[in-house]
Amino acid sequence: MNVALKAFDDLSNSELYEILQLRSEIFVVEQNCVYNDLDGLDPEAFHLYASKNDVIIGYVRLSRPGARFSTASIGRVVTRKNYRHKGISTLLMKKAIGHIENEWDETMISLSAQKYLRNFYEGLEFVVVSDVYLEDGIPHYKMVRGK
């Protein structure tokens, strides 16, 4: 398995296409949620992904403070269905956290977590800081890590 972190302009056309295809496959089709995945944040974000045999199997988007939240943030965490429960999202999240803390020198990270993934993010030291709210019709919590 290979892991890469790239700025938007460093992604090849095929990498970008595959990332957007994976996000659409999971967030729109599998979760049966019609929403605008192309939210304008990708061009300024960093894109962390895992691939195996030249196929992207997991992905995380990293955004600098002020893009989505006042803090740095992580979003669009996704793993291809047949690669779930193998630690790929945990690996990508740890790499994303490390990059934000060590390379960007940011101590706080926010994310909008689907309610059913609360325990996953709590295992990565994120803390719930909101009541449940609907985002694109799906229950979420705002969660924050750091001080």
Protein backbone atom coordinates (compact mmCIF):
# COMPACT_ATOMS: atom_id res chain seq x y z
CA MET A 1 0.00 0.00 0.00
CA ASN A 2 1.23 3.49 -0.88
CA VAL A 3 0.26 6.72 0.88
CA ALA A 4 0.56 10.17 -0.70
CA LEU A 5 -0.20 13.72 0.38
CA LYS A 6 -0.62 16.27 -2.39
CA ALA A 7 -1.80 19.80 -2.90
CA PHE A 8 -4.66 20.10 -5.37
CA ASP A 9 -2.45 21.36 -8.21
CA ASP A 10 -0.09 18.41 -7.72
CA LEU A 11 -2.79 15.80 -8.26
CA SER A 12 -2.85 14.23 -11.70
CA ASN A 13 -6.11 14.33 -13.61
CA SER A 14 -6.57 10.60 -13.02
CA GLU A 15 -5.86 10.92 -9.26
CA LEU A 16 -8.38 13.74 -8.92
CA TYR A 17 -10.96 11.83 -10.95
CA GLU A 18 -10.50 8.70 -8.84
CA ILE A 19 -10.74 10.66 -5.57
CA LEU A 20 -13.95 12.37 -6.67
CA GLN A 21 -15.33 9.08 -7.96
CA LEU A 22 -14.62 7.36 -4.60
CA ARG A 23 -16.21 10.20 -2.63
CA SER A 24 -19.28 10.11 -4.86
CA GLU A 25 -19.52 6.31 -4.70
CA ILE A 26 -19.59 6.35 -0.89
CA PHE A 27 -21.14 9.65 0.15
CA VAL A 28 -23.77 9.98 -2.60
CA VAL A 29 -24.57 6.47 -3.82
CA GLU A 30 -23.87 4.18 -0.84
CA GLN A 31 -25.24 6.61 1.74
CA ASN A 32 -28.09 7.62 -0.57
CA CYS A 33 -27.43 11.30 0.06
CA VAL A 34 -27.81 13.89 -2.64
CA TYR A 35 -25.46 16.75 -1.79
CA ASN A 36 -22.85 18.95 -3.45
CA ASP A 37 -19.53 17.18 -2.83
CA LEU A 38 -17.74 19.80 -4.92
CA ASP A 39 -17.97 22.43 -2.20
CA GLY A 40 -15.17 24.75 -3.35
CA LEU A 41 -12.70 23.61 -0.66
CA ASP A 42 -10.68 21.14 -2.75
CA PRO A 43 -8.45 23.64 -4.61
CA GLU A 44 -6.99 25.01 -1.36
CA ALA A 45 -6.95 21.69 0.51
CA PHE A 46 -4.37 18.94 0.76
CA HIS A 47 -5.37 15.47 -0.32
CA LEU A 48 -4.09 12.43 1.55
CA TYR A 49 -4.81 9.06 0.03
CA ALA A 50 -3.85 5.42 0.21
CA SER A 51 -3.60 3.29 -2.91
CA LYS A 52 -3.07 -0.36 -3.61
CA ASN A 53 -2.33 -1.75 -7.07
CA ASP A 54 -2.81 1.78 -8.48
CA VAL A 55 -6.35 2.04 -7.06
CA ILE A 56 -7.20 4.66 -4.43
CA ILE A 57 -8.65 2.78 -1.46
CA GLY A 58 -8.83 5.51 1.19
CA TYR A 59 -8.86 9.29 1.29
CA VAL A 60 -8.84 12.27 3.69
CA ARG A 61 -9.02 16.01 2.94
CA LEU A 62 -7.01 18.46 5.07
CA SER A 63 -7.96 22.13 5.20
CA ARG A 64 -6.10 25.04 6.74
CA PRO A 65 -7.68 27.25 9.43
CA GLY A 66 -10.44 29.45 8.06
CA ALA A 67 -11.37 27.22 5.12
CA ARG A 68 -14.20 25.30 6.79
CA PHE A 69 -13.74 25.99 10.50
CA SER A 70 -11.68 28.60 12.37
CA THR A 71 -9.20 25.79 13.09
CA ALA A 72 -7.48 23.37 10.74
CA SER A 73 -9.89 20.64 9.72
CA ILE A 74 -10.15 17.15 8.35
CA GLY A 75 -13.00 15.99 6.16
CA ARG A 76 -14.21 13.65 3.45
CA VAL A 77 -12.76 10.65 5.31
CA VAL A 78 -13.59 7.65 3.15
CA THR A 79 -12.48 4.06 2.60
CA ARG A 80 -13.45 1.88 -0.35
CA LYS A 81 -16.05 -0.64 0.84
CA ASN A 82 -14.00 -3.81 0.37
CA TYR A 83 -11.05 -2.29 2.33
CA ARG A 84 -12.94 -1.24 5.46
CA HIS A 85 -12.07 -2.50 8.96
CA LYS A 86 -8.42 -2.92 7.96
CA GLY A 87 -7.07 0.21 9.65
CA ILE A 88 -6.81 2.34 6.51
CA SER A 89 -8.90 5.25 7.82
CA THR A 90 -7.05 5.13 11.15
CA LEU A 91 -3.70 5.23 9.35
CA LEU A 92 -4.79 8.14 7.15
CA MET A 93 -6.26 10.05 10.09
CA LYS A 94 -3.04 9.65 12.12
CA LYS A 95 -0.99 10.87 9.15
CA ALA A 96 -3.37 13.81 8.65
CA ILE A 97 -3.19 14.76 12.33
CA GLY A 98 0.60 14.48 12.28
CA HIS A 99 0.87 16.68 9.19
CA ILE A 100 -1.42 19.35 10.61
CA GLU A 101 0.35 19.41 13.97
CA ASN A 102 3.95 19.06 12.75
CA GLU A 103 4.00 20.74 9.34
CA TRP A 104 1.34 23.40 9.83
CA ASP A 105 2.09 23.88 13.56
CA GLU A 106 -1.63 23.82 14.37
CA THR A 107 -2.75 22.54 17.77
CA MET A 108 -6.49 22.37 17.17
CA ILE A 109 -8.25 20.30 14.52
CA SER A 110 -12.00 20.27 13.85
CA LEU A 111 -14.21 17.92 11.90
CA SER A 112 -17.86 17.24 11.25
CA ALA A 113 -18.36 13.57 12.12
CA GLN A 114 -21.25 11.39 11.11
CA LYS A 115 -22.94 10.34 14.35
CA TYR A 116 -22.29 6.63 13.90
CA LEU A 117 -18.52 7.32 13.68
CA ARG A 118 -18.29 9.13 17.03
CA ASN A 119 -16.36 6.30 18.72
CA PHE A 120 -13.89 6.09 15.83
CA TYR A 121 -13.00 9.76 16.17
CA GLU A 122 -12.98 9.65 19.97
CA GLY A 123 -10.34 6.91 19.62
CA LEU A 124 -8.23 9.53 17.83
CA GLU A 125 -8.70 11.99 20.75
CA PHE A 126 -11.45 14.08 19.17
CA VAL A 127 -14.11 15.38 21.57
CA VAL A 128 -17.75 16.17 20.78
CA VAL A 129 -18.39 19.91 21.09
CA SER A 130 -21.95 20.17 19.71
CA ASP A 131 -25.34 18.61 19.88
CA VAL A 132 -26.31 16.35 17.00
CA TYR A 133 -27.14 18.35 13.87
CA LEU A 134 -28.17 17.41 10.37
CA GLU A 135 -25.67 17.92 7.58
CA ASP A 136 -27.03 16.92 4.19
CA GLY A 137 -29.77 15.00 5.99
CA ILE A 138 -27.33 12.86 8.03
CA PRO A 139 -26.84 13.25 11.82
CA HIS A 140 -23.41 14.73 12.67
CA TYR A 141 -21.40 16.06 15.60
CA LYS A 142 -18.79 18.79 15.50
CA MET A 143 -15.68 17.32 17.08
CA VAL A 144 -12.38 18.95 18.05
CA ARG A 145 -8.94 17.62 18.90
CA GLY A 146 -6.26 19.62 20.72
CA LYS A 147 -6.13 22.75 22.80
